[in-house]
Amino acid sequence: MSNNINTVIGQQLKKARVVNGWSLDTSSKNTGVSKAMLGQIERAESSPTIAKLWAIASGFNLPLSYFLVAIADGNNAKIVLKTEQGISATTLFAFDSVTGMEVLSLTLMPLHQQMSLPHNDGVIEHIVVVEGEMEYFLKGQWHHLQRGETVKFKADKKHGYRNLNEQQAIFHNIISYPSKNSNR
């Protein structure tokens, strides 16, 4: 398998479409991502942002690491996704069908804000701040977290993260998916 991240994401997207029997049009309706953009991603002509990749994963009812795990040689190899300024995501543990979880390390650069559309029903995010300070957005409000603090919330609502400081903030995001995803 190619190690080019755009190629792998495109191959995984096409594989998900084939498994579901979806056209690009049906995929667009389910993910909220335009048919043209999905086609560009499949052909490795475009790098999806983390937010777009989340939208695609949610639309297909897949964990985010589904699109990244094929890059790795081993089950727990770290894969870094940095497709936009201000944020990067590193896969610490790819989705595990036994536990229904994946673990990501997210780095927010200084003064960066990242909003996320709602994930599927039953998806729960656990945030553990490992470096710096950050805020998370939930239920219309920003909440402050500093190193060592944690929070757990249902991610089926609009949510986000921001770093208001001059130093990067790093947090681990442990994402728990409902059991209906565990067969993937």
Foldseek 3Di string as FASTA:
>chain_A
DDLPLLQLLLVLLVVLCVVVVHDLVLLCVLLVNDSVVNVCSNVSNAQDDPQSLQSSCQSSVHDSCSSPCVNDPDQQDWDWDDRDPFKIKIWRGGQALVQQKTKIKMKGAAFDKFKHAAGDPPKKKKKAWQAAKKWKDDPHDIDIDGHGDMDMDHRRHIMIMGHNDNGMTMMMIMIHHPNVNSVD
